[in-house]
Amino acid sequence: MAYDERLADRIRGQLVDEAGVTEKRMFGGLAFLINGNMAVSASSQGGLLLRVDPAQTGQLAAEPHARPFVMRGREMDGWLRVDSDGLDSNAEFAQWVARGAAYARTLPPK
């Protein structure tokens, strides 16, 4: 399944004023990187894939429509999936994208 182009456009619009943003195909989706660090992605499985502070993974995964990102059967701290149902409102969508961008900004540039 390809990523949702409309979702990618929404992410693009949310990050328009963010410095250092680039786009790259990753994990079958379209990732948005800040200074070379992935912040958020329009996932090929639908919804968002985003990076967050690993210490906040459990707390954020408990929010509606969010869950830990699982790779090869293992939950990955610092990575979340947010289902499309949790992105319907602009406020919810903006909050998730902002979380990914905020964490990516804390990482050293690549």
PDB file of N, CA and C in Angstrom:
ATOM      1  N   MET A   1       0.844  -1.180   0.000  1.00  0.00           N
ATOM      2  CA  MET A   1       0.000   0.000   0.000  1.00  0.00           C
ATOM      3  C   MET A   1       0.888   1.242   0.000  1.00  0.00           C
ATOM      4  N   ALA A   2       0.589   2.189  -0.833  1.00  0.00           N
ATOM      5  CA  ALA A   2       1.327   3.446  -0.888  1.00  0.00           C
ATOM      6  C   ALA A   2       0.841   4.363   0.236  1.00  0.00           C
ATOM      7  N   TYR A   3       1.655   5.350   0.553  1.00  0.00           N
ATOM      8  CA  TYR A   3       1.244   6.299   1.590  1.00  0.00           C
ATOM      9  C   TYR A   3       0.155   7.224   1.049  1.00  0.00           C
ATOM     10  N   ASP A   4      -0.566   7.852   1.946  1.00  0.00           N
ATOM     11  CA  ASP A   4      -1.674   8.747   1.632  1.00  0.00           C
ATOM     12  C   ASP A   4      -1.109  10.120   1.231  1.00  0.00           C
ATOM     13  N   GLU A   5      -1.264  10.485  -0.037  1.00  0.00           N
ATOM     14  CA  GLU A   5      -0.745  11.761  -0.548  1.00  0.00           C
ATOM     15  C   GLU A   5      -1.397  12.952   0.165  1.00  0.00           C
ATOM     16  N   ARG A   6      -2.670  12.837   0.468  1.00  0.00           N
ATOM     17  CA  ARG A   6      -3.369  13.924   1.171  1.00  0.00           C
ATOM     18  C   ARG A   6      -2.775  14.125   2.563  1.00  0.00           C
ATOM     19  N   LEU A   7      -2.476  13.029   3.236  1.00  0.00           N
ATOM     20  CA  LEU A   7      -1.854  13.107   4.555  1.00  0.00           C
ATOM     21  C   LEU A   7      -0.466  13.742   4.440  1.00  0.00           C
ATOM     22  N   ALA A   8       0.300  13.356   3.429  1.00  0.00           N
ATOM     23  CA  ALA A   8       1.618  13.952   3.214  1.00  0.00           C
ATOM     24  C   ALA A   8       1.494  15.460   2.988  1.00  0.00           C
ATOM     25  N   ASP A   9       0.487  15.879   2.241  1.00  0.00           N
ATOM     26  CA  ASP A   9       0.261  17.309   2.018  1.00  0.00           C
ATOM     27  C   ASP A   9      -0.084  18.034   3.314  1.00  0.00           C
ATOM     28  N   ARG A  10      -0.863  17.374   4.160  1.00  0.00           N
ATOM     29  CA  ARG A  10      -1.203  17.981   5.460  1.00  0.00           C
ATOM     30  C   ARG A  10       0.053  18.151   6.310  1.00  0.00           C
ATOM     31  N   ILE A  11       0.914  17.137   6.308  1.00  0.00           N
ATOM     32  CA  ILE A  11       2.167  17.234   7.070  1.00  0.00           C
ATOM     33  C   ILE A  11       3.015  18.379   6.516  1.00  0.00           C
ATOM     34  N   ARG A  12       3.148  18.408   5.196  1.00  0.00           N
ATOM     35  CA  ARG A  12       3.913  19.466   4.523  1.00  0.00           C
ATOM     36  C   ARG A  12       3.416  20.845   4.958  1.00  0.00           C
ATOM     37  N   GLY A  13       2.106  21.018   4.964  1.00  0.00           N
ATOM     38  CA  GLY A  13       1.516  22.282   5.370  1.00  0.00           C
ATOM     39  C   GLY A  13       1.795  22.626   6.822  1.00  0.00           C
ATOM     40  N   GLN A  14       1.822  21.616   7.659  1.00  0.00           N
ATOM     41  CA  GLN A  14       2.086  21.833   9.087  1.00  0.00           C
ATOM     42  C   GLN A  14       3.542  22.233   9.322  1.00  0.00           C
ATOM     43  N   LEU A  15       4.453  21.731   8.500  1.00  0.00           N
ATOM     44  CA  LEU A  15       5.884  21.977   8.698  1.00  0.00           C
ATOM     45  C   LEU A  15       6.439  23.077   7.799  1.00  0.00           C
ATOM     46  N   VAL A  16       5.573  23.796   7.105  1.00  0.00           N
ATOM     47  CA  VAL A  16       6.008  24.785   6.118  1.00  0.00           C
ATOM     48  C   VAL A  16       6.958  25.832   6.703  1.00  0.00           C
ATOM     49  N   ASP A  17       6.783  26.225   7.938  1.00  0.00           N
ATOM     50  CA  ASP A  17       7.630  27.248   8.549  1.00  0.00           C
ATOM     51  C   ASP A  17       8.802  26.670   9.337  1.00  0.00           C
ATOM     52  N   GLU A  18       8.951  25.362   9.322  1.00  0.00           N
ATOM     53  CA  GLU A  18      10.010  24.684  10.072  1.00  0.00           C
ATOM     54  C   GLU A  18      11.308  24.709   9.255  1.00  0.00           C
ATOM     55  N   ALA A  19      12.396  25.140   9.858  1.00  0.00           N
ATOM     56  CA  ALA A  19      13.696  25.168   9.173  1.00  0.00           C
ATOM     57  C   ALA A  19      14.280  23.760   9.083  1.00  0.00           C
ATOM     58  N   GLY A  20      15.003  23.504   8.023  1.00  0.00           N
ATOM     59  CA  GLY A  20      15.745  22.249   7.888  1.00  0.00           C
ATOM     60  C   GLY A  20      14.920  21.033   7.536  1.00  0.00           C
ATOM     61  N   VAL A  21      13.724  21.222   6.978  1.00  0.00           N
ATOM     62  CA  VAL A  21      12.855  20.085   6.641  1.00  0.00           C
ATOM     63  C   VAL A  21      13.209  19.534   5.264  1.00  0.00           C
ATOM     64  N   THR A  22      13.346  18.214   5.201  1.00  0.00           N
ATOM     65  CA  THR A  22      13.508  17.509   3.932  1.00  0.00           C
ATOM     66  C   THR A  22      12.542  16.341   3.928  1.00  0.00           C
ATOM     67  N   GLU A  23      12.274  15.830   2.735  1.00  0.00           N
ATOM     68  CA  GLU A  23      11.385  14.679   2.581  1.00  0.00           C
ATOM     69  C   GLU A  23      12.189  13.512   2.026  1.00  0.00           C
ATOM     70  N   LYS A  24      11.838  12.316   2.489  1.00  0.00           N
ATOM     71  CA  LYS A  24      12.558  11.120   2.034  1.00  0.00           C
ATOM     72  C   LYS A  24      11.632   9.911   2.156  1.00  0.00           C
ATOM     73  N   ARG A  25      11.661   9.069   1.156  1.00  0.00           N
ATOM     74  CA  ARG A  25      10.886   7.822   1.250  1.00  0.00           C
ATOM     75  C   ARG A  25      11.597   6.884   2.230  1.00  0.00           C
ATOM     76  N   MET A  26      10.845   6.476   3.253  1.00  0.00           N
ATOM     77  CA  MET A  26      11.379   5.581   4.287  1.00  0.00           C
ATOM     78  C   MET A  26      10.260   4.674   4.778  1.00  0.00           C
ATOM     79  N   PHE A  27      10.583   3.449   5.130  1.00  0.00           N
ATOM     80  CA  PHE A  27       9.620   2.515   5.704  1.00  0.00           C
ATOM     81  C   PHE A  27       8.377   2.373   4.828  1.00  0.00           C
ATOM     82  N   GLY A  28       8.504   2.577   3.529  1.00  0.00           N
ATOM     83  CA  GLY A  28       7.381   2.467   2.614  1.00  0.00           C
ATOM     84  C   GLY A  28       6.488   3.693   2.584  1.00  0.00           C
ATOM     85  N   GLY A  29       6.814   4.693   3.380  1.00  0.00           N
ATOM     86  CA  GLY A  29       6.026   5.915   3.427  1.00  0.00           C
ATOM     87  C   GLY A  29       6.862   7.107   3.006  1.00  0.00           C
ATOM     88  N   LEU A  30       6.366   8.288   3.303  1.00  0.00           N
ATOM     89  CA  LEU A  30       7.097   9.519   3.023  1.00  0.00           C
ATOM     90  C   LEU A  30       7.410  10.185   4.346  1.00  0.00           C
ATOM     91  N   ALA A  31       8.714  10.219   4.671  1.00  0.00           N
ATOM     92  CA  ALA A  31       9.165  10.772   5.941  1.00  0.00           C
ATOM     93  C   ALA A  31       9.543  12.235   5.785  1.00  0.00           C
ATOM     94  N   PHE A  32       9.320  12.986   6.849  1.00  0.00           N
ATOM     95  CA  PHE A  32       9.720  14.384   6.934  1.00  0.00           C
ATOM     96  C   PHE A  32      10.793  14.460   8.013  1.00  0.00           C
ATOM     97  N   LEU A  33      11.974  14.895   7.586  1.00  0.00           N
ATOM     98  CA  LEU A  33      13.126  14.960   8.468  1.00  0.00           C
ATOM     99  C   LEU A  33      13.433  16.412   8.798  1.00  0.00           C
ATOM    100  N   ILE A  34      13.905  16.629  10.002  1.00  0.00           N
ATOM    101  CA  ILE A  34      14.351  17.948  10.430  1.00  0.00           C
ATOM    102  C   ILE A  34      15.830  17.830  10.751  1.00  0.00           C
ATOM    103  N   ASN A  35      16.640  18.563  10.000  1.00  0.00           N
ATOM    104  CA  ASN A  35      18.092  18.499  10.139  1.00  0.00           C
ATOM    105  C   ASN A  35      18.613  17.068  10.026  1.00  0.00           C
ATOM    106  N   GLY A  36      17.972  16.295   9.160  1.00  0.00           N
ATOM    107  CA  GLY A  36      18.393  14.925   8.899  1.00  0.00           C
ATOM    108  C   GLY A  36      17.816  13.870   9.815  1.00  0.00           C
ATOM    109  N   ASN A  37      17.018  14.260  10.802  1.00  0.00           N
ATOM    110  CA  ASN A  37      16.404  13.322  11.744  1.00  0.00           C
ATOM    111  C   ASN A  37      14.914  13.201  11.459  1.00  0.00           C
ATOM    112  N   MET A  38      14.447  11.956  11.346  1.00  0.00           N
ATOM    113  CA  MET A  38      13.040  11.766  11.057  1.00  0.00           C
ATOM    114  C   MET A  38      12.178  12.319  12.182  1.00  0.00           C
ATOM    115  N   ALA A  39      11.162  13.079  11.800  1.00  0.00           N
ATOM    116  CA  ALA A  39      10.207  13.637  12.755  1.00  0.00           C
ATOM    117  C   ALA A  39       8.877  12.914  12.654  1.00  0.00           C
ATOM    118  N   VAL A  40       8.362  12.804  11.435  1.00  0.00           N
ATOM    119  CA  VAL A  40       7.032  12.242  11.202  1.00  0.00           C
ATOM    120  C   VAL A  40       6.986  11.696   9.781  1.00  0.00           C
ATOM    121  N   SER A  41       6.127  10.713   9.580  1.00  0.00           N
ATOM    122  CA  SER A  41       6.003  10.105   8.264  1.00  0.00           C
ATOM    123  C   SER A  41       4.544   9.805   7.958  1.00  0.00           C
ATOM    124  N   ALA A  42       4.179   9.991   6.689  1.00  0.00           N
ATOM    125  CA  ALA A  42       2.896   9.487   6.192  1.00  0.00           C
ATOM    126  C   ALA A  42       3.158   8.004   5.939  1.00  0.00           C
ATOM    127  N   SER A  43       2.615   7.158   6.776  1.00  0.00           N
ATOM    128  CA  SER A  43       2.935   5.738   6.752  1.00  0.00           C
ATOM    129  C   SER A  43       2.252   5.005   5.606  1.00  0.00           C
ATOM    130  N   SER A  44       2.936   4.027   5.068  1.00  0.00           N
ATOM    131  CA  SER A  44       2.347   3.181   4.029  1.00  0.00           C
ATOM    132  C   SER A  44       1.239   2.295   4.599  1.00  0.00           C
ATOM    133  N   GLN A  45       1.182   2.180   5.920  1.00  0.00           N
ATOM    134  CA  GLN A  45       0.137   1.392   6.567  1.00  0.00           C
ATOM    135  C   GLN A  45      -1.027   2.262   7.018  1.00  0.00           C
ATOM    136  N   GLY A  46      -1.004   3.528   6.607  1.00  0.00           N
ATOM    137  CA  GLY A  46      -2.040   4.460   7.012  1.00  0.00           C
ATOM    138  C   GLY A  46      -1.636   5.190   8.279  1.00  0.00           C
ATOM    139  N   GLY A  47      -2.117   6.384   8.436  1.00  0.00           N
ATOM    140  CA  GLY A  47      -1.806   7.176   9.618  1.00  0.00           C
ATOM    141  C   GLY A  47      -0.374   7.670   9.627  1.00  0.00           C
ATOM    142  N   LEU A  48       0.061   8.053  10.830  1.00  0.00           N
ATOM    143  CA  LEU A  48       1.396   8.609  11.006  1.00  0.00           C
ATOM    144  C   LEU A  48       2.330   7.622  11.692  1.00  0.00           C
ATOM    145  N   LEU A  49       3.589   7.739  11.368  1.00  0.00           N
ATOM    146  CA  LEU A  49       4.672   7.134  12.118  1.00  0.00           C
ATOM    147  C   LEU A  49       5.486   8.322  12.598  1.00  0.00           C
ATOM    148  N   LEU A  50       5.735   8.420  13.891  1.00  0.00           N
ATOM    149  CA  LEU A  50       6.501   9.557  14.364  1.00  0.00           C
ATOM    150  C   LEU A  50       7.470   9.198  15.461  1.00  0.00           C
ATOM    151  N   ARG A  51       8.477  10.055  15.588  1.00  0.00           N
ATOM    152  CA  ARG A  51       9.469   9.916  16.644  1.00  0.00           C
ATOM    153  C   ARG A  51       9.070  10.806  17.798  1.00  0.00           C
ATOM    154  N   VAL A  52       9.289  10.270  18.988  1.00  0.00           N
ATOM    155  CA  VAL A  52       9.008  11.012  20.212  1.00  0.00           C
ATOM    156  C   VAL A  52      10.120  10.701  21.204  1.00  0.00           C
ATOM    157  N   ASP A  53      10.151  11.430  22.278  1.00  0.00           N
ATOM    158  CA  ASP A  53      11.110  11.160  23.339  1.00  0.00           C
ATOM    159  C   ASP A  53      10.875   9.728  23.829  1.00  0.00           C
ATOM    160  N   PRO A  54      11.911   8.884  23.811  1.00  0.00           N
ATOM    161  CA  PRO A  54      11.715   7.496  24.251  1.00  0.00           C
ATOM    162  C   PRO A  54      11.112   7.382  25.648  1.00  0.00           C
ATOM    163  N   ALA A  55      11.418   8.319  26.525  1.00  0.00           N
ATOM    164  CA  ALA A  55      10.867   8.281  27.884  1.00  0.00           C
ATOM    165  C   ALA A  55       9.363   8.535  27.906  1.00  0.00           C
ATOM    166  N   GLN A  56       8.807   9.089  26.826  1.00  0.00           N
ATOM    167  CA  GLN A  56       7.380   9.392  26.763  1.00  0.00           C
ATOM    168  C   GLN A  56       6.589   8.387  25.932  1.00  0.00           C
ATOM    169  N   THR A  57       7.247   7.369  25.407  1.00  0.00           N
ATOM    170  CA  THR A  57       6.575   6.412  24.522  1.00  0.00           C
ATOM    171  C   THR A  57       5.339   5.809  25.173  1.00  0.00           C
ATOM    172  N   GLY A  58       5.473   5.287  26.367  1.00  0.00           N
ATOM    173  CA  GLY A  58       4.347   4.640  27.043  1.00  0.00           C
ATOM    174  C   GLY A  58       3.196   5.580  27.300  1.00  0.00           C
ATOM    175  N   GLN A  59       3.500   6.768  27.781  1.00  0.00           N
ATOM    176  CA  GLN A  59       2.466   7.766  28.072  1.00  0.00           C
ATOM    177  C   GLN A  59       1.728   8.168  26.797  1.00  0.00           C
ATOM    178  N   LEU A  60       2.470   8.441  25.729  1.00  0.00           N
ATOM    179  CA  LEU A  60       1.837   8.868  24.477  1.00  0.00           C
ATOM    180  C   LEU A  60       1.097   7.723  23.791  1.00  0.00           C
ATOM    181  N   ALA A  61       1.606   6.504  23.929  1.00  0.00           N
ATOM    182  CA  ALA A  61       0.945   5.342  23.323  1.00  0.00           C
ATOM    183  C   ALA A  61      -0.399   5.045  23.988  1.00  0.00           C
ATOM    184  N   ALA A  62      -0.601   5.565  25.181  1.00  0.00           N
ATOM    185  CA  ALA A  62      -1.871   5.366  25.879  1.00  0.00           C
ATOM    186  C   ALA A  62      -2.960   6.320  25.384  1.00  0.00           C
ATOM    187  N   GLU A  63      -2.581   7.303  24.583  1.00  0.00           N
ATOM    188  CA  GLU A  63      -3.572   8.241  24.048  1.00  0.00           C
ATOM    189  C   GLU A  63      -4.400   7.550  22.966  1.00  0.00           C
ATOM    190  N   PRO A  64      -5.641   8.022  22.765  1.00  0.00           N
ATOM    191  CA  PRO A  64      -6.499   7.398  21.751  1.00  0.00           C
ATOM    192  C   PRO A  64      -5.836   7.388  20.377  1.00  0.00           C
ATOM    193  N   HIS A  65      -5.971   6.267  19.692  1.00  0.00           N
ATOM    194  CA  HIS A  65      -5.499   6.067  18.322  1.00  0.00           C
ATOM    195  C   HIS A  65      -3.983   5.938  18.200  1.00  0.00           C
ATOM    196  N   ALA A  66      -3.257   5.959  19.300  1.00  0.00           N
ATOM    197  CA  ALA A  66      -1.795   5.840  19.257  1.00  0.00           C
ATOM    198  C   ALA A  66      -1.374   4.482  19.805  1.00  0.00           C
ATOM    199  N   ARG A  67      -0.267   3.998  19.275  1.00  0.00           N
ATOM    200  CA  ARG A  67       0.296   2.738  19.778  1.00  0.00           C
ATOM    201  C   ARG A  67       1.786   2.723  19.465  1.00  0.00           C
ATOM    202  N   PRO A  68       2.542   1.913  20.182  1.00  0.00           N
ATOM    203  CA  PRO A  68       3.974   1.827  19.890  1.00  0.00           C
ATOM    204  C   PRO A  68       4.196   1.279  18.478  1.00  0.00           C
ATOM    205  N   PHE A  69       5.252   1.714  17.854  1.00  0.00           N
ATOM    206  CA  PHE A  69       5.668   1.180  16.565  1.00  0.00           C
ATOM    207  C   PHE A  69       6.352  -0.150  16.840  1.00  0.00           C
ATOM    208  N   VAL A  70       5.954  -1.180  16.100  1.00  0.00           N
ATOM    209  CA  VAL A  70       6.523  -2.513  16.272  1.00  0.00           C
ATOM    210  C   VAL A  70       7.317  -2.871  15.022  1.00  0.00           C
ATOM    211  N   MET A  71       8.577  -3.250  15.235  1.00  0.00           N
ATOM    212  CA  MET A  71       9.431  -3.676  14.133  1.00  0.00           C
ATOM    213  C   MET A  71       9.952  -5.070  14.457  1.00  0.00           C
ATOM    214  N   ARG A  72       9.680  -5.991  13.551  1.00  0.00           N
ATOM    215  CA  ARG A  72      10.098  -7.385  13.712  1.00  0.00           C
ATOM    216  C   ARG A  72       9.651  -7.965  15.055  1.00  0.00           C
ATOM    217  N   GLY A  73       8.410  -7.626  15.435  1.00  0.00           N
ATOM    218  CA  GLY A  73       7.818  -8.166  16.646  1.00  0.00           C
ATOM    219  C   GLY A  73       8.233  -7.460  17.924  1.00  0.00           C
ATOM    220  N   ARG A  74       9.015  -6.404  17.819  1.00  0.00           N
ATOM    221  CA  ARG A  74       9.517  -5.715  19.004  1.00  0.00           C
ATOM    222  C   ARG A  74       9.043  -4.261  19.020  1.00  0.00           C
ATOM    223  N   GLU A  75       8.470  -3.834  20.162  1.00  0.00           N
ATOM    224  CA  GLU A  75       8.069  -2.438  20.316  1.00  0.00           C
ATOM    225  C   GLU A  75       9.311  -1.568  20.395  1.00  0.00           C
ATOM    226  N   MET A  76       9.291  -0.470  19.658  1.00  0.00           N
ATOM    227  CA  MET A  76      10.439   0.425  19.580  1.00  0.00           C
ATOM    228  C   MET A  76      10.176   1.679  20.412  1.00  0.00           C
ATOM    229  N   ASP A  77      10.942   1.860  21.492  1.00  0.00           N
ATOM    230  CA  ASP A  77      10.824   3.080  22.282  1.00  0.00           C
ATOM    231  C   ASP A  77      11.185   4.282  21.418  1.00  0.00           C
ATOM    232  N   GLY A  78      10.416   5.342  21.556  1.00  0.00           N
ATOM    233  CA  GLY A  78      10.677   6.561  20.814  1.00  0.00           C
ATOM    234  C   GLY A  78       9.994   6.616  19.460  1.00  0.00           C
ATOM    235  N   TRP A  79       9.192   5.619  19.145  1.00  0.00           N
ATOM    236  CA  TRP A  79       8.484   5.571  17.858  1.00  0.00           C
ATOM    237  C   TRP A  79       7.027   5.218  18.118  1.00  0.00           C
ATOM    238  N   LEU A  80       6.118   5.916  17.451  1.00  0.00           N
ATOM    239  CA  LEU A  80       4.685   5.668  17.600  1.00  0.00           C
ATOM    240  C   LEU A  80       4.003   5.584  16.252  1.00  0.00           C
ATOM    241  N   ARG A  81       2.910   4.852  16.229  1.00  0.00           N
ATOM    242  CA  ARG A  81       1.966   4.878  15.114  1.00  0.00           C
ATOM    243  C   ARG A  81       0.714   5.579  15.624  1.00  0.00           C
ATOM    244  N   VAL A  82       0.174   6.450  14.789  1.00  0.00           N
ATOM    245  CA  VAL A  82      -1.091   7.112  15.110  1.00  0.00           C
ATOM    246  C   VAL A  82      -2.040   6.795  13.970  1.00  0.00           C
ATOM    247  N   ASP A  83      -3.140   6.118  14.298  1.00  0.00           N
ATOM    248  CA  ASP A  83      -4.119   5.714  13.299  1.00  0.00           C
ATOM    249  C   ASP A  83      -4.783   6.915  12.645  1.00  0.00           C
ATOM    250  N   SER A  84      -5.203   6.740  11.419  1.00  0.00           N
ATOM    251  CA  SER A  84      -5.870   7.807  10.660  1.00  0.00           C
ATOM    252  C   SER A  84      -7.076   8.367  11.404  1.00  0.00           C
ATOM    253  N   ASP A  85      -7.795   7.527  12.147  1.00  0.00           N
ATOM    254  CA  ASP A  85      -8.969   7.987  12.899  1.00  0.00           C
ATOM    255  C   ASP A  85      -8.617   9.057  13.922  1.00  0.00           C
ATOM    256  N   GLY A  86      -7.387   9.073  14.383  1.00  0.00           N
ATOM    257  CA  GLY A  86      -6.949  10.056  15.366  1.00  0.00           C
ATOM    258  C   GLY A  86      -6.435  11.342  14.747  1.00  0.00           C
ATOM    259  N   LEU A  87      -6.567  11.468  13.435  1.00  0.00           N
ATOM    260  CA  LEU A  87      -6.025  12.632  12.735  1.00  0.00           C
ATOM    261  C   LEU A  87      -7.112  13.454  12.054  1.00  0.00           C
ATOM    262  N   ASP A  88      -8.372  13.142  12.340  1.00  0.00           N
ATOM    263  CA  ASP A  88      -9.479  13.814  11.673  1.00  0.00           C
ATOM    264  C   ASP A  88      -9.546  15.297  12.008  1.00  0.00           C
ATOM    265  N   SER A  89      -9.351  15.635  13.266  1.00  0.00           N
ATOM    266  CA  SER A  89      -9.410  17.055  13.620  1.00  0.00           C
ATOM    267  C   SER A  89      -8.049  17.695  13.363  1.00  0.00           C
ATOM    268  N   ASN A  90      -8.084  18.932  12.910  1.00  0.00           N
ATOM    269  CA  ASN A  90      -6.835  19.652  12.652  1.00  0.00           C
ATOM    270  C   ASN A  90      -6.020  19.826  13.924  1.00  0.00           C
ATOM    271  N   ALA A  91      -6.692  19.996  15.054  1.00  0.00           N
ATOM    272  CA  ALA A  91      -5.985  20.185  16.322  1.00  0.00           C
ATOM    273  C   ALA A  91      -5.213  18.926  16.718  1.00  0.00           C
ATOM    274  N   GLU A  92      -5.871  17.762  16.607  1.00  0.00           N
ATOM    275  CA  GLU A  92      -5.186  16.506  16.943  1.00  0.00           C
ATOM    276  C   GLU A  92      -4.023  16.257  15.996  1.00  0.00           C
ATOM    277  N   PHE A  93      -4.264  16.460  14.724  1.00  0.00           N
ATOM    278  CA  PHE A  93      -3.233  16.258  13.721  1.00  0.00           C
ATOM    279  C   PHE A  93      -2.031  17.161  14.009  1.00  0.00           C
ATOM    280  N   ALA A  94      -2.292  18.441  14.221  1.00  0.00           N
ATOM    281  CA  ALA A  94      -1.218  19.400  14.484  1.00  0.00           C
ATOM    282  C   ALA A  94      -0.432  19.031  15.728  1.00  0.00           C
ATOM    283  N   GLN A  95      -1.118  18.533  16.743  1.00  0.00           N
ATOM    284  CA  GLN A  95      -0.449  18.158  17.987  1.00  0.00           C
ATOM    285  C   GLN A  95       0.522  17.003  17.756  1.00  0.00           C
ATOM    286  N   TRP A  96       0.104  15.989  17.000  1.00  0.00           N
ATOM    287  CA  TRP A  96       0.988  14.848  16.743  1.00  0.00           C
ATOM    288  C   TRP A  96       2.194  15.261  15.912  1.00  0.00           C
ATOM    289  N   VAL A  97       1.966  16.028  14.863  1.00  0.00           N
ATOM    290  CA  VAL A  97       3.083  16.471  14.021  1.00  0.00           C
ATOM    291  C   VAL A  97       4.042  17.329  14.842  1.00  0.00           C
ATOM    292  N   ALA A  98       3.513  18.203  15.671  1.00  0.00           N
ATOM    293  CA  ALA A  98       4.349  19.066  16.506  1.00  0.00           C
ATOM    294  C   ALA A  98       5.198  18.247  17.477  1.00  0.00           C
ATOM    295  N   ARG A  99       4.642  17.176  18.001  1.00  0.00           N
ATOM    296  CA  ARG A  99       5.421  16.315  18.907  1.00  0.00           C
ATOM    297  C   ARG A  99       6.611  15.694  18.192  1.00  0.00           C
ATOM    298  N   GLY A 100       6.367  15.195  16.987  1.00  0.00           N
ATOM    299  CA  GLY A 100       7.473  14.603  16.225  1.00  0.00           C
ATOM    300  C   GLY A 100       8.521  15.632  15.870  1.00  0.00           C
ATOM    301  N   ALA A 101       8.084  16.812  15.454  1.00  0.00           N
ATOM    302  CA  ALA A 101       9.017  17.879  15.083  1.00  0.00           C
ATOM    303  C   ALA A 101       9.811  18.351  16.297  1.00  0.00           C
ATOM    304  N   ALA A 102       9.144  18.496  17.413  1.00  0.00           N
ATOM    305  CA  ALA A 102       9.822  18.973  18.637  1.00  0.00           C
ATOM    306  C   ALA A 102      10.925  18.001  19.047  1.00  0.00           C
ATOM    307  N   TYR A 103      10.646  16.708  18.976  1.00  0.00           N
ATOM    308  CA  TYR A 103      11.689  15.755  19.372  1.00  0.00           C
ATOM    309  C   TYR A 103      12.833  15.745  18.355  1.00  0.00           C
ATOM    310  N   ALA A 104      12.527  15.787  17.074  1.00  0.00           N
ATOM    311  CA  ALA A 104      13.575  15.781  16.050  1.00  0.00           C
ATOM    312  C   ALA A 104      14.503  16.979  16.214  1.00  0.00           C
ATOM    313  N   ARG A 105      13.959  18.124  16.632  1.00  0.00           N
ATOM    314  CA  ARG A 105      14.786  19.317  16.845  1.00  0.00           C
ATOM    315  C   ARG A 105      15.779  19.151  17.979  1.00  0.00           C
ATOM    316  N   THR A 106      15.514  18.240  18.918  1.00  0.00           N
ATOM    317  CA  THR A 106      16.438  18.033  20.052  1.00  0.00           C
ATOM    318  C   THR A 106      17.634  17.165  19.668  1.00  0.00           C
ATOM    319  N   LEU A 107      17.573  16.517  18.513  1.00  0.00           N
ATOM    320  CA  LEU A 107      18.632  15.594  18.109  1.00  0.00           C
ATOM    321  C   LEU A 107      19.732  16.341  17.359  1.00  0.00           C
ATOM    322  N   PRO A 108      20.967  15.855  17.457  1.00  0.00           N
ATOM    323  CA  PRO A 108      22.054  16.514  16.714  1.00  0.00           C
ATOM    324  C   PRO A 108      21.830  16.389  15.211  1.00  0.00           C
ATOM    325  N   PRO A 109      22.127  17.446  14.462  1.00  0.00           N
ATOM    326  CA  PRO A 109      21.971  17.385  12.998  1.00  0.00           C
ATOM    327  C   PRO A 109      22.811  16.268  12.400  1.00  0.00           C
ATOM    328  N   LYS A 110      22.299  15.693  11.316  1.00  0.00           N
ATOM    329  CA  LYS A 110      23.036  14.643  10.600  1.00  0.00           C
ATOM    330  C   LYS A 110      23.609  15.207   9.330  1.00  0.00           C
TER     331      LYS A 110
END
